Protein backbone atom coordinates (compact mmCIF):
# COMPACT_ATOMS: atom_id res chain seq x y z
CA MET A 1 -105.28 -145.26 21.92
CA PRO A 2 -102.86 -148.39 22.12
CA CYS A 3 -103.43 -150.79 18.97
CA GLY A 4 -105.74 -152.58 18.16
CA PHE A 5 -108.78 -150.86 21.12
CA ALA A 6 -111.70 -148.85 20.05
CA ILE A 7 -113.73 -146.92 22.74
CA GLN A 8 -117.65 -146.32 22.37
CA SER A 9 -120.97 -145.43 23.40
CA VAL A 10 -123.00 -148.55 24.93
CA ALA A 11 -126.20 -148.64 23.44
CA GLU A 12 -128.99 -150.93 25.42
CA GLY A 13 -128.63 -153.48 23.02
CA MET A 14 -124.76 -153.77 24.07
CA ALA A 15 -126.31 -154.44 28.02
CA CYS A 16 -125.87 -158.61 28.78
CA GLU A 17 -122.23 -157.84 27.76
CA ILE A 18 -121.76 -154.90 30.32
CA ALA A 19 -123.39 -157.23 32.71
CA GLU A 20 -121.00 -159.86 32.17
CA MET A 21 -118.41 -157.51 32.59
CA LEU A 22 -120.08 -156.23 35.96
CA GLY A 23 -120.32 -159.32 37.73
CA ASP A 24 -116.76 -159.97 36.83
CA LEU A 25 -116.03 -157.47 39.12
CA ARG A 26 -118.43 -157.87 41.18
CA SER A 27 -116.89 -161.54 41.89
CA GLU A 28 -113.38 -159.49 42.11
CA ILE A 29 -114.43 -158.14 44.52
CA VAL A 30 -115.71 -160.92 46.85
CA ALA A 31 -112.69 -162.81 46.74
CA GLN A 32 -110.70 -160.13 47.22
CA THR A 33 -112.84 -159.16 50.33
CA ASN A 34 -114.43 -161.81 51.39
CA THR A 35 -117.39 -159.72 51.34
CA GLN A 36 -120.56 -159.91 49.69
CA ALA A 37 -120.60 -156.53 48.65
CA PHE A 38 -124.06 -156.84 46.58
CA ASN A 39 -126.11 -158.69 45.17
CA PHE A 40 -125.77 -159.79 41.16
CA ASP A 41 -128.56 -161.47 38.81
CA LYS A 42 -127.44 -161.15 35.36
CA ALA A 43 -130.27 -160.94 34.02
CA GLU A 44 -131.69 -158.53 35.76
CA THR A 45 -128.76 -156.46 35.69
CA ALA A 46 -129.01 -156.44 31.84
CA THR A 47 -132.34 -155.14 32.00
CA ARG A 48 -131.73 -152.69 34.43
CA LEU A 49 -128.92 -150.81 32.16
CA ALA A 50 -131.17 -151.25 29.24
CA GLU A 51 -133.67 -149.22 30.97
CA PHE A 52 -131.06 -146.87 32.55
CA LEU A 53 -129.72 -146.44 29.20
CA SER A 54 -133.28 -145.88 27.27
CA ARG A 55 -133.60 -142.53 30.12
CA GLU A 56 -130.54 -141.48 29.40
CA ALA A 57 -130.01 -141.64 33.49
CA TYR A 58 -126.63 -143.31 32.72
CA PHE A 59 -123.91 -143.64 30.54
CA VAL A 60 -122.01 -146.27 29.71
CA PHE A 61 -118.24 -146.47 27.22
CA VAL A 62 -116.68 -150.03 26.42
CA VAL A 63 -113.48 -150.38 25.19
CA ARG A 64 -112.96 -153.16 22.81
CA ASP A 65 -110.33 -154.86 21.27
CA SER A 66 -109.48 -155.78 17.35
CA CYS A 67 -111.75 -158.73 17.64
CA GLY A 68 -115.06 -156.51 18.89
CA LEU A 69 -114.34 -158.40 22.08
CA ALA A 70 -115.81 -155.88 25.09
CA VAL A 71 -112.34 -155.51 27.31
CA GLY A 72 -113.31 -152.97 29.86
CA PHE A 73 -115.80 -150.32 30.37
CA VAL A 74 -117.06 -147.47 32.91
CA ALA A 75 -120.29 -146.38 33.79
CA PHE A 76 -121.82 -143.18 35.27
CA TYR A 77 -124.48 -141.32 36.01
CA GLU A 78 -125.18 -137.47 36.41
CA SER A 79 -125.31 -136.45 39.73
CA ARG A 80 -126.20 -132.90 41.97
CA ALA A 81 -125.06 -131.09 44.49
CA LEU A 82 -125.11 -127.54 46.24
CA TYR A 83 -121.13 -128.69 47.58
CA ALA A 84 -120.56 -129.15 43.75
CA GLU A 85 -122.54 -126.08 42.53
CA GLY A 86 -124.44 -128.25 40.47
CA GLU A 87 -124.64 -131.35 38.18
CA PHE A 88 -121.38 -134.03 38.02
CA GLY A 89 -120.56 -136.95 37.18
CA THR A 90 -120.33 -139.92 39.43
CA ILE A 91 -118.28 -142.97 38.45
CA SER A 92 -120.40 -145.84 39.69
CA GLU A 93 -117.92 -149.19 37.80
CA LEU A 94 -114.99 -149.24 35.86
CA TYR A 95 -113.42 -152.88 35.05
CA VAL A 96 -110.77 -154.11 32.83
CA ARG A 97 -110.62 -157.49 32.41
CA PRO A 98 -107.31 -158.77 34.28
CA SER A 99 -105.71 -160.09 31.17
CA PHE A 100 -106.24 -156.28 29.56
CA ARG A 101 -104.99 -154.70 32.46
CA SER A 102 -101.74 -152.65 32.78
CA LEU A 103 -102.28 -151.45 29.23
CA GLY A 104 -103.73 -148.04 29.40
CA LEU A 105 -107.27 -148.61 28.71
CA GLY A 106 -108.73 -147.96 32.25
CA ALA A 107 -106.94 -143.92 31.80
CA ARG A 108 -108.73 -144.16 27.98
CA LEU A 109 -111.92 -144.79 29.64
CA ILE A 110 -111.11 -141.75 32.39
CA ASP A 111 -110.18 -139.49 29.51
CA GLN A 112 -113.61 -140.51 27.45
CA SER A 113 -115.33 -140.03 30.72
CA LYS A 114 -113.40 -136.65 31.41
CA ASN A 115 -114.19 -135.71 28.11
CA PHE A 116 -118.22 -136.45 28.00
CA ALA A 117 -118.16 -134.72 31.94
CA LEU A 118 -116.92 -131.46 30.33
CA ALA A 119 -118.98 -131.64 26.82
CA ARG A 120 -122.49 -131.70 29.54
CA GLY A 121 -120.91 -128.60 31.82
CA TRP A 122 -119.68 -131.00 34.76
CA LYS A 123 -117.48 -129.53 37.30
CA ARG A 124 -116.04 -132.63 38.86
CA LEU A 125 -116.20 -136.29 38.54
CA GLU A 126 -116.20 -138.65 41.69
CA VAL A 127 -115.96 -141.77 42.36
CA THR A 128 -115.81 -144.04 45.69
CA THR A 129 -113.09 -147.27 45.20
CA PRO A 130 -113.75 -150.98 46.45
CA PRO A 131 -112.92 -151.47 50.02
CA LEU A 132 -109.17 -150.65 50.94
CA PRO A 133 -106.77 -152.29 51.99
CA SER A 134 -107.59 -154.84 49.32
CA PHE A 135 -107.59 -152.03 46.93
CA GLU A 136 -104.82 -149.81 47.21
CA ARG A 137 -103.67 -150.02 43.57
CA THR A 138 -107.38 -148.96 42.57
CA LEU A 139 -107.13 -145.96 44.81
CA ALA A 140 -103.52 -145.45 43.22
CA PHE A 141 -104.48 -145.42 39.38
CA TYR A 142 -107.33 -142.89 40.25
CA GLU A 143 -105.25 -140.56 42.16
CA ARG A 144 -102.43 -140.60 38.43
CA GLU A 145 -105.28 -139.84 37.09
CA GLY A 146 -105.76 -136.75 38.64
CA PHE A 147 -108.43 -137.80 41.78
CA SER A 148 -108.12 -136.83 44.91
CA ILE A 149 -108.68 -138.21 47.91
CA THR A 150 -111.61 -135.65 49.98
CA GLY A 151 -112.68 -137.73 52.88
CA GLY A 152 -115.25 -140.06 54.43
CA ARG A 153 -116.69 -143.21 53.49
CA LYS A 154 -118.85 -144.43 51.40
CA VAL A 155 -122.07 -145.71 53.90
CA ARG A 156 -125.52 -147.12 52.89
CA LEU A 157 -128.73 -147.75 53.89
CA LEU A 158 -130.58 -150.76 52.68
CA LEU A 159 -134.26 -150.18 52.40
């Protein structure tokens, strides 16, 4: 880990600061794509995150600088599929504040996620990148971290 940074597991009481960074991530996606990727309300998101954490349905690691400022996080959850031979992890969000990028913090968050996944017996981690080509650098990052393109596109149906 670069000097002055530490990664820790997120507890329910940290939900507001993670929700704030999720809002920053959303704003970045909207600015680059000119598309409202998803709705966001910071208070609702913090409440939802605290609930997910309390049920152990969601796992989050945060990276902090030497002053204790949260500068990035990774969030994921357990998925199940026959094609994946059982349980596996799905990364739902990974974010590092722009002024802290290129310091290896995203890679360290991925390493923490891999270690967590192995400890749970998962055979894989999956992630969907934000829309391409706006986020080609994001795809290149995941490829450097050992992820491979498996094809297809993420689609959704709002209910």
